Amino acid sequence: MKPKKMSEESGSARNKFRFHFAVEIILVAALAIYMVLAQGQVVGDDLAFTVVGAGLMALVTYWTLSTLRDGLEMVVLRARGLKLKH
């Protein structure tokens, strides 16, 4: 197996970041919709609704951190590319 070229690594990191960012937007929108639906409800009053909300918040948090990691990876690959050119 031959090693990937810098442009290939950068391209795959960019595509991965774009995908994760798109999913991030969808998850945040779903969380916003949940928050609008949750207005006026007491926490724990409807256990299933509360569990769904907690799970959604945990998923959004995990996905946000994953997206940030992908963004940092893309920045590092770009910085390495700049160092190699000089």
PDB file of N, CA and C in Angstrom:
ATOM      1  N   MET A   1       0.840  -1.166   0.000  1.00  0.00           N
ATOM      2  CA  MET A   1       0.000   0.000   0.000  1.00  0.00           C
ATOM      3  C   MET A   1       0.889   1.233   0.000  1.00  0.00           C
ATOM      4  N   LYS A   2       0.662   2.122  -0.951  1.00  0.00           N
ATOM      5  CA  LYS A   2       1.511   3.301  -1.019  1.00  0.00           C
ATOM      6  C   LYS A   2       0.950   4.429  -0.148  1.00  0.00           C
ATOM      7  N   PRO A   3       1.829   5.252   0.408  1.00  0.00           N
ATOM      8  CA  PRO A   3       1.373   6.324   1.293  1.00  0.00           C
ATOM      9  C   PRO A   3       0.569   7.372   0.537  1.00  0.00           C
ATOM     10  N   LYS A   4      -0.359   7.998   1.265  1.00  0.00           N
ATOM     11  CA  LYS A   4      -1.182   9.041   0.663  1.00  0.00           C
ATOM     12  C   LYS A   4      -0.364  10.304   0.471  1.00  0.00           C
ATOM     13  N   LYS A   5      -0.677  11.013  -0.600  1.00  0.00           N
ATOM     14  CA  LYS A   5      -0.050  12.303  -0.827  1.00  0.00           C
ATOM     15  C   LYS A   5      -0.723  13.331   0.063  1.00  0.00           C
ATOM     16  N   MET A   6      -0.022  14.439   0.319  1.00  0.00           N
ATOM     17  CA  MET A   6      -0.542  15.483   1.187  1.00  0.00           C
ATOM     18  C   MET A   6      -1.877  16.019   0.675  1.00  0.00           C
ATOM     19  N   SER A   7      -2.011  16.188  -0.644  1.00  0.00           N
ATOM     20  CA  SER A   7      -3.265  16.718  -1.197  1.00  0.00           C
ATOM     21  C   SER A   7      -4.410  15.732  -1.004  1.00  0.00           C
ATOM     22  N   GLU A   8      -4.119  14.422  -1.070  1.00  0.00           N
ATOM     23  CA  GLU A   8      -5.150  13.416  -0.843  1.00  0.00           C
ATOM     24  C   GLU A   8      -5.614  13.440   0.609  1.00  0.00           C
ATOM     25  N   GLU A   9      -4.661  13.563   1.548  1.00  0.00           N
ATOM     26  CA  GLU A   9      -5.006  13.634   2.964  1.00  0.00           C
ATOM     27  C   GLU A   9      -5.844  14.873   3.236  1.00  0.00           C
ATOM     28  N   SER A  10      -5.432  15.989   2.668  1.00  0.00           N
ATOM     29  CA  SER A  10      -6.139  17.244   2.874  1.00  0.00           C
ATOM     30  C   SER A  10      -7.550  17.172   2.294  1.00  0.00           C
ATOM     31  N   GLY A  11      -7.679  16.572   1.120  1.00  0.00           N
ATOM     32  CA  GLY A  11      -8.987  16.446   0.479  1.00  0.00           C
ATOM     33  C   GLY A  11      -9.933  15.558   1.266  1.00  0.00           C
ATOM     34  N   SER A  12      -9.419  14.424   1.766  1.00  0.00           N
ATOM     35  CA  SER A  12     -10.284  13.526   2.534  1.00  0.00           C
ATOM     36  C   SER A  12     -10.648  14.155   3.874  1.00  0.00           C
ATOM     37  N   ALA A  13      -9.723  14.879   4.490  1.00  0.00           N
ATOM     38  CA  ALA A  13     -10.016  15.562   5.753  1.00  0.00           C
ATOM     39  C   ALA A  13     -11.062  16.655   5.522  1.00  0.00           C
ATOM     40  N   ARG A  14     -10.952  17.357   4.412  1.00  0.00           N
ATOM     41  CA  ARG A  14     -11.913  18.422   4.094  1.00  0.00           C
ATOM     42  C   ARG A  14     -13.305  17.831   3.861  1.00  0.00           C
ATOM     43  N   ASN A  15     -13.379  16.717   3.122  1.00  0.00           N
ATOM     44  CA  ASN A  15     -14.674  16.071   2.863  1.00  0.00           C
ATOM     45  C   ASN A  15     -15.298  15.547   4.156  1.00  0.00           C
ATOM     46  N   LYS A  16     -14.470  14.963   5.006  1.00  0.00           N
ATOM     47  CA  LYS A  16     -14.943  14.447   6.285  1.00  0.00           C
ATOM     48  C   LYS A  16     -15.477  15.596   7.141  1.00  0.00           C
ATOM     49  N   PHE A  17     -14.744  16.711   7.168  1.00  0.00           N
ATOM     50  CA  PHE A  17     -15.174  17.868   7.942  1.00  0.00           C
ATOM     51  C   PHE A  17     -16.486  18.423   7.401  1.00  0.00           C
ATOM     52  N   ARG A  18     -16.631  18.511   6.102  1.00  0.00           N
ATOM     53  CA  ARG A  18     -17.869  19.029   5.506  1.00  0.00           C
ATOM     54  C   ARG A  18     -19.067  18.148   5.861  1.00  0.00           C
ATOM     55  N   PHE A  19     -18.868  16.843   5.800  1.00  0.00           N
ATOM     56  CA  PHE A  19     -19.939  15.911   6.168  1.00  0.00           C
ATOM     57  C   PHE A  19     -20.320  16.091   7.633  1.00  0.00           C
ATOM     58  N   HIS A  20     -19.314  16.118   8.500  1.00  0.00           N
ATOM     59  CA  HIS A  20     -19.582  16.270   9.930  1.00  0.00           C
ATOM     60  C   HIS A  20     -20.254  17.607  10.224  1.00  0.00           C
ATOM     61  N   PHE A  21     -19.866  18.652   9.511  1.00  0.00           N
ATOM     62  CA  PHE A  21     -20.473  19.965   9.717  1.00  0.00           C
ATOM     63  C   PHE A  21     -21.938  19.958   9.278  1.00  0.00           C
ATOM     64  N   ALA A  22     -22.241  19.288   8.184  1.00  0.00           N
ATOM     65  CA  ALA A  22     -23.631  19.197   7.710  1.00  0.00           C
ATOM     66  C   ALA A  22     -24.494  18.447   8.725  1.00  0.00           C
ATOM     67  N   VAL A  23     -23.977  17.351   9.254  1.00  0.00           N
ATOM     68  CA  VAL A  23     -24.714  16.594  10.269  1.00  0.00           C
ATOM     69  C   VAL A  23     -24.871  17.443  11.528  1.00  0.00           C
ATOM     70  N   GLU A  24     -23.838  18.210  11.856  1.00  0.00           N
ATOM     71  CA  GLU A  24     -23.879  19.106  13.018  1.00  0.00           C
ATOM     72  C   GLU A  24     -25.044  20.094  12.898  1.00  0.00           C
ATOM     73  N   ILE A  25     -25.204  20.670  11.721  1.00  0.00           N
ATOM     74  CA  ILE A  25     -26.297  21.631  11.488  1.00  0.00           C
ATOM     75  C   ILE A  25     -27.649  20.952  11.708  1.00  0.00           C
ATOM     76  N   ILE A  26     -27.798  19.745  11.197  1.00  0.00           N
ATOM     77  CA  ILE A  26     -29.057  19.002  11.339  1.00  0.00           C
ATOM     78  C   ILE A  26     -29.330  18.691  12.811  1.00  0.00           C
ATOM     79  N   LEU A  27     -28.295  18.259  13.538  1.00  0.00           N
ATOM     80  CA  LEU A  27     -28.468  17.929  14.951  1.00  0.00           C
ATOM     81  C   LEU A  27     -28.827  19.155  15.783  1.00  0.00           C
ATOM     82  N   VAL A  28     -28.174  20.273  15.513  1.00  0.00           N
ATOM     83  CA  VAL A  28     -28.476  21.499  16.254  1.00  0.00           C
ATOM     84  C   VAL A  28     -29.898  21.963  15.942  1.00  0.00           C
ATOM     85  N   ALA A  29     -30.316  21.827  14.693  1.00  0.00           N
ATOM     86  CA  ALA A  29     -31.700  22.173  14.331  1.00  0.00           C
ATOM     87  C   ALA A  29     -32.687  21.268  15.063  1.00  0.00           C
ATOM     88  N   ALA A  30     -32.390  19.978  15.143  1.00  0.00           N
ATOM     89  CA  ALA A  30     -33.259  19.042  15.862  1.00  0.00           C
ATOM     90  C   ALA A  30     -33.316  19.404  17.343  1.00  0.00           C
ATOM     91  N   LEU A  31     -32.179  19.789  17.914  1.00  0.00           N
ATOM     92  CA  LEU A  31     -32.154  20.192  19.319  1.00  0.00           C
ATOM     93  C   LEU A  31     -32.962  21.470  19.532  1.00  0.00           C
ATOM     94  N   ALA A  32     -32.873  22.406  18.595  1.00  0.00           N
ATOM     95  CA  ALA A  32     -33.656  23.642  18.692  1.00  0.00           C
ATOM     96  C   ALA A  32     -35.153  23.337  18.639  1.00  0.00           C
ATOM     97  N   ILE A  33     -35.541  22.433  17.757  1.00  0.00           N
ATOM     98  CA  ILE A  33     -36.953  22.031  17.665  1.00  0.00           C
ATOM     99  C   ILE A  33     -37.391  21.374  18.970  1.00  0.00           C
ATOM    100  N   TYR A  34     -36.531  20.525  19.527  1.00  0.00           N
ATOM    101  CA  TYR A  34     -36.844  19.882  20.809  1.00  0.00           C
ATOM    102  C   TYR A  34     -37.042  20.934  21.897  1.00  0.00           C
ATOM    103  N   MET A  35     -36.168  21.934  21.935  1.00  0.00           N
ATOM    104  CA  MET A  35     -36.267  22.980  22.960  1.00  0.00           C
ATOM    105  C   MET A  35     -37.576  23.772  22.815  1.00  0.00           C
ATOM    106  N   VAL A  36     -37.973  24.028  21.581  1.00  0.00           N
ATOM    107  CA  VAL A  36     -39.241  24.737  21.357  1.00  0.00           C
ATOM    108  C   VAL A  36     -40.407  23.877  21.850  1.00  0.00           C
ATOM    109  N   LEU A  37     -40.364  22.583  21.558  1.00  0.00           N
ATOM    110  CA  LEU A  37     -41.420  21.677  22.014  1.00  0.00           C
ATOM    111  C   LEU A  37     -41.421  21.526  23.539  1.00  0.00           C
ATOM    112  N   ALA A  38     -40.259  21.674  24.153  1.00  0.00           N
ATOM    113  CA  ALA A  38     -40.116  21.466  25.598  1.00  0.00           C
ATOM    114  C   ALA A  38     -40.527  22.679  26.421  1.00  0.00           C
ATOM    115  N   GLN A  39     -40.775  23.803  25.780  1.00  0.00           N
ATOM    116  CA  GLN A  39     -41.174  24.997  26.532  1.00  0.00           C
ATOM    117  C   GLN A  39     -42.437  24.708  27.327  1.00  0.00           C
ATOM    118  N   GLY A  40     -42.402  25.108  28.577  1.00  0.00           N
ATOM    119  CA  GLY A  40     -43.577  24.939  29.422  1.00  0.00           C
ATOM    120  C   GLY A  40     -43.698  23.563  30.050  1.00  0.00           C
ATOM    121  N   GLN A  41     -42.810  22.642  29.720  1.00  0.00           N
ATOM    122  CA  GLN A  41     -42.862  21.314  30.336  1.00  0.00           C
ATOM    123  C   GLN A  41     -41.921  21.271  31.524  1.00  0.00           C
ATOM    124  N   VAL A  42     -42.316  20.552  32.535  1.00  0.00           N
ATOM    125  CA  VAL A  42     -41.479  20.365  33.713  1.00  0.00           C
ATOM    126  C   VAL A  42     -40.529  19.202  33.428  1.00  0.00           C
ATOM    127  N   VAL A  43     -39.251  19.401  33.774  1.00  0.00           N
ATOM    128  CA  VAL A  43     -38.258  18.349  33.549  1.00  0.00           C
ATOM    129  C   VAL A  43     -38.641  17.118  34.358  1.00  0.00           C
ATOM    130  N   GLY A  44     -38.702  15.986  33.722  1.00  0.00           N
ATOM    131  CA  GLY A  44     -39.028  14.730  34.379  1.00  0.00           C
ATOM    132  C   GLY A  44     -40.516  14.432  34.417  1.00  0.00           C
ATOM    133  N   ASP A  45     -41.344  15.387  34.017  1.00  0.00           N
ATOM    134  CA  ASP A  45     -42.789  15.176  34.017  1.00  0.00           C
ATOM    135  C   ASP A  45     -43.158  14.053  33.045  1.00  0.00           C
ATOM    136  N   ASP A  46     -42.596  14.101  31.860  1.00  0.00           N
ATOM    137  CA  ASP A  46     -42.764  13.033  30.871  1.00  0.00           C
ATOM    138  C   ASP A  46     -41.386  12.401  30.688  1.00  0.00           C
ATOM    139  N   LEU A  47     -41.197  11.242  31.311  1.00  0.00           N
ATOM    140  CA  LEU A  47     -39.871  10.625  31.356  1.00  0.00           C
ATOM    141  C   LEU A  47     -39.313  10.325  29.963  1.00  0.00           C
ATOM    142  N   ALA A  48     -40.136   9.827  29.072  1.00  0.00           N
ATOM    143  CA  ALA A  48     -39.658   9.500  27.724  1.00  0.00           C
ATOM    144  C   ALA A  48     -39.184  10.764  26.998  1.00  0.00           C
ATOM    145  N   PHE A  49     -39.937  11.846  27.142  1.00  0.00           N
ATOM    146  CA  PHE A  49     -39.567  13.110  26.498  1.00  0.00           C
ATOM    147  C   PHE A  49     -38.243  13.630  27.065  1.00  0.00           C
ATOM    148  N   THR A  50     -38.067  13.505  28.379  1.00  0.00           N
ATOM    149  CA  THR A  50     -36.835  13.945  29.035  1.00  0.00           C
ATOM    150  C   THR A  50     -35.647  13.102  28.581  1.00  0.00           C
ATOM    151  N   VAL A  51     -35.844  11.812  28.479  1.00  0.00           N
ATOM    152  CA  VAL A  51     -34.759  10.906  28.051  1.00  0.00           C
ATOM    153  C   VAL A  51     -34.354  11.219  26.609  1.00  0.00           C
ATOM    154  N   VAL A  52     -35.331  11.471  25.761  1.00  0.00           N
ATOM    155  CA  VAL A  52     -35.021  11.824  24.365  1.00  0.00           C
ATOM    156  C   VAL A  52     -34.211  13.119  24.328  1.00  0.00           C
ATOM    157  N   GLY A  53     -34.610  14.093  25.126  1.00  0.00           N
ATOM    158  CA  GLY A  53     -33.889  15.364  25.168  1.00  0.00           C
ATOM    159  C   GLY A  53     -32.470  15.201  25.674  1.00  0.00           C
ATOM    160  N   ALA A  54     -32.292  14.430  26.742  1.00  0.00           N
ATOM    161  CA  ALA A  54     -30.957  14.196  27.288  1.00  0.00           C
ATOM    162  C   ALA A  54     -30.078  13.463  26.277  1.00  0.00           C
ATOM    163  N   GLY A  55     -30.654  12.480  25.609  1.00  0.00           N
ATOM    164  CA  GLY A  55     -29.901  11.745  24.590  1.00  0.00           C
ATOM    165  C   GLY A  55     -29.514  12.633  23.417  1.00  0.00           C
ATOM    166  N   LEU A  56     -30.440  13.482  23.005  1.00  0.00           N
ATOM    167  CA  LEU A  56     -30.159  14.402  21.899  1.00  0.00           C
ATOM    168  C   LEU A  56     -29.062  15.390  22.280  1.00  0.00           C
ATOM    169  N   MET A  57     -29.107  15.896  23.511  1.00  0.00           N
ATOM    170  CA  MET A  57     -28.063  16.832  23.962  1.00  0.00           C
ATOM    171  C   MET A  57     -26.706  16.145  24.036  1.00  0.00           C
ATOM    172  N   ALA A  58     -26.688  14.902  24.503  1.00  0.00           N
ATOM    173  CA  ALA A  58     -25.430  14.152  24.560  1.00  0.00           C
ATOM    174  C   ALA A  58     -24.883  13.905  23.153  1.00  0.00           C
ATOM    175  N   LEU A  59     -25.760  13.553  22.231  1.00  0.00           N
ATOM    176  CA  LEU A  59     -25.337  13.310  20.849  1.00  0.00           C
ATOM    177  C   LEU A  59     -24.791  14.581  20.203  1.00  0.00           C
ATOM    178  N   VAL A  60     -25.476  15.701  20.417  1.00  0.00           N
ATOM    179  CA  VAL A  60     -25.006  16.974  19.854  1.00  0.00           C
ATOM    180  C   VAL A  60     -23.639  17.332  20.438  1.00  0.00           C
ATOM    181  N   THR A  61     -23.454  17.126  21.732  1.00  0.00           N
ATOM    182  CA  THR A  61     -22.167  17.420  22.364  1.00  0.00           C
ATOM    183  C   THR A  61     -21.060  16.551  21.781  1.00  0.00           C
ATOM    184  N   TYR A  62     -21.314  15.244  21.680  1.00  0.00           N
ATOM    185  CA  TYR A  62     -20.317  14.333  21.110  1.00  0.00           C
ATOM    186  C   TYR A  62     -19.984  14.725  19.667  1.00  0.00           C
ATOM    187  N   TRP A  63     -21.017  14.996  18.886  1.00  0.00           N
ATOM    188  CA  TRP A  63     -20.807  15.304  17.473  1.00  0.00           C
ATOM    189  C   TRP A  63     -20.059  16.628  17.305  1.00  0.00           C
ATOM    190  N   THR A  64     -20.352  17.602  18.158  1.00  0.00           N
ATOM    191  CA  THR A  64     -19.661  18.888  18.095  1.00  0.00           C
ATOM    192  C   THR A  64     -18.170  18.697  18.364  1.00  0.00           C
ATOM    193  N   LEU A  65     -17.843  17.919  19.370  1.00  0.00           N
ATOM    194  CA  LEU A  65     -16.428  17.666  19.670  1.00  0.00           C
ATOM    195  C   LEU A  65     -15.745  16.911  18.535  1.00  0.00           C
ATOM    196  N   SER A  66     -16.446  15.969  17.940  1.00  0.00           N
ATOM    197  CA  SER A  66     -15.899  15.227  16.809  1.00  0.00           C
ATOM    198  C   SER A  66     -15.666  16.152  15.611  1.00  0.00           C
ATOM    199  N   THR A  67     -16.608  17.048  15.363  1.00  0.00           N
ATOM    200  CA  THR A  67     -16.477  17.995  14.259  1.00  0.00           C
ATOM    201  C   THR A  67     -15.305  18.944  14.497  1.00  0.00           C
ATOM    202  N   LEU A  68     -15.148  19.393  15.744  1.00  0.00           N
ATOM    203  CA  LEU A  68     -14.010  20.259  16.071  1.00  0.00           C
ATOM    204  C   LEU A  68     -12.688  19.529  15.848  1.00  0.00           C
ATOM    205  N   ARG A  69     -12.646  18.249  16.228  1.00  0.00           N
ATOM    206  CA  ARG A  69     -11.430  17.462  16.005  1.00  0.00           C
ATOM    207  C   ARG A  69     -11.105  17.372  14.507  1.00  0.00           C
ATOM    208  N   ASP A  70     -12.142  17.144  13.688  1.00  0.00           N
ATOM    209  CA  ASP A  70     -11.934  17.076  12.245  1.00  0.00           C
ATOM    210  C   ASP A  70     -11.465  18.413  11.684  1.00  0.00           C
ATOM    211  N   GLY A  71     -12.017  19.503  12.213  1.00  0.00           N
ATOM    212  CA  GLY A  71     -11.586  20.833  11.780  1.00  0.00           C
ATOM    213  C   GLY A  71     -10.134  21.093  12.134  1.00  0.00           C
ATOM    214  N   LEU A  72      -9.739  20.695  13.340  1.00  0.00           N
ATOM    215  CA  LEU A  72      -8.339  20.860  13.748  1.00  0.00           C
ATOM    216  C   LEU A  72      -7.413  20.000  12.901  1.00  0.00           C
ATOM    217  N   GLU A  73      -7.854  18.797  12.575  1.00  0.00           N
ATOM    218  CA  GLU A  73      -7.066  17.915  11.709  1.00  0.00           C
ATOM    219  C   GLU A  73      -6.844  18.568  10.344  1.00  0.00           C
ATOM    220  N   MET A  74      -7.880  19.179   9.820  1.00  0.00           N
ATOM    221  CA  MET A  74      -7.776  19.854   8.524  1.00  0.00           C
ATOM    222  C   MET A  74      -6.793  21.025   8.611  1.00  0.00           C
ATOM    223  N   VAL A  75      -6.841  21.782   9.705  1.00  0.00           N
ATOM    224  CA  VAL A  75      -5.928  22.910   9.897  1.00  0.00           C
ATOM    225  C   VAL A  75      -4.487  22.424   9.992  1.00  0.00           C
ATOM    226  N   VAL A  76      -4.267  21.336  10.720  1.00  0.00           N
ATOM    227  CA  VAL A  76      -2.910  20.790  10.868  1.00  0.00           C
ATOM    228  C   VAL A  76      -2.378  20.315   9.523  1.00  0.00           C
ATOM    229  N   LEU A  77      -3.204  19.624   8.748  1.00  0.00           N
ATOM    230  CA  LEU A  77      -2.750  19.152   7.435  1.00  0.00           C
ATOM    231  C   LEU A  77      -2.420  20.334   6.521  1.00  0.00           C
ATOM    232  N   ARG A  78      -3.220  21.384   6.606  1.00  0.00           N
ATOM    233  CA  ARG A  78      -2.955  22.572   5.798  1.00  0.00           C
ATOM    234  C   ARG A  78      -1.655  23.250   6.256  1.00  0.00           C
ATOM    235  N   ALA A  79      -1.437  23.306   7.570  1.00  0.00           N
ATOM    236  CA  ALA A  79      -0.212  23.921   8.096  1.00  0.00           C
ATOM    237  C   ALA A  79       1.017  23.108   7.695  1.00  0.00           C
ATOM    238  N   ARG A  80       0.895  21.792   7.715  1.00  0.00           N
ATOM    239  CA  ARG A  80       2.014  20.942   7.270  1.00  0.00           C
ATOM    240  C   ARG A  80       2.323  21.202   5.805  1.00  0.00           C
ATOM    241  N   GLY A  81       1.278  21.363   5.010  1.00  0.00           N
ATOM    242  CA  GLY A  81       1.475  21.637   3.583  1.00  0.00           C
ATOM    243  C   GLY A  81       2.196  22.953   3.360  1.00  0.00           C
ATOM    244  N   LEU A  82       1.895  23.952   4.164  1.00  0.00           N
ATOM    245  CA  LEU A  82       2.574  25.244   4.039  1.00  0.00           C
ATOM    246  C   LEU A  82       4.038  25.127   4.445  1.00  0.00           C
ATOM    247  N   LYS A  83       4.332  24.339   5.474  1.00  0.00           N
ATOM    248  CA  LYS A  83       5.708  24.156   5.916  1.00  0.00           C
ATOM    249  C   LYS A  83       6.548  23.453   4.839  1.00  0.00           C
ATOM    250  N   LEU A  84       5.938  22.462   4.184  1.00  0.00           N
ATOM    251  CA  LEU A  84       6.669  21.717   3.155  1.00  0.00           C
ATOM    252  C   LEU A  84       6.986  22.563   1.938  1.00  0.00           C
ATOM    253  N   LYS A  85       6.143  23.553   1.639  1.00  0.00           N
ATOM    254  CA  LYS A  85       6.360  24.394   0.469  1.00  0.00           C
ATOM    255  C   LYS A  85       7.504  25.375   0.675  1.00  0.00           C
ATOM    256  N   HIS A  86       7.772  25.753   1.901  1.00  0.00           N
ATOM    257  CA  HIS A  86       8.845  26.737   2.172  1.00  0.00           C
ATOM    258  C   HIS A  86      10.156  26.101   2.297  1.00  0.00           C
TER     259      HIS A  86
END
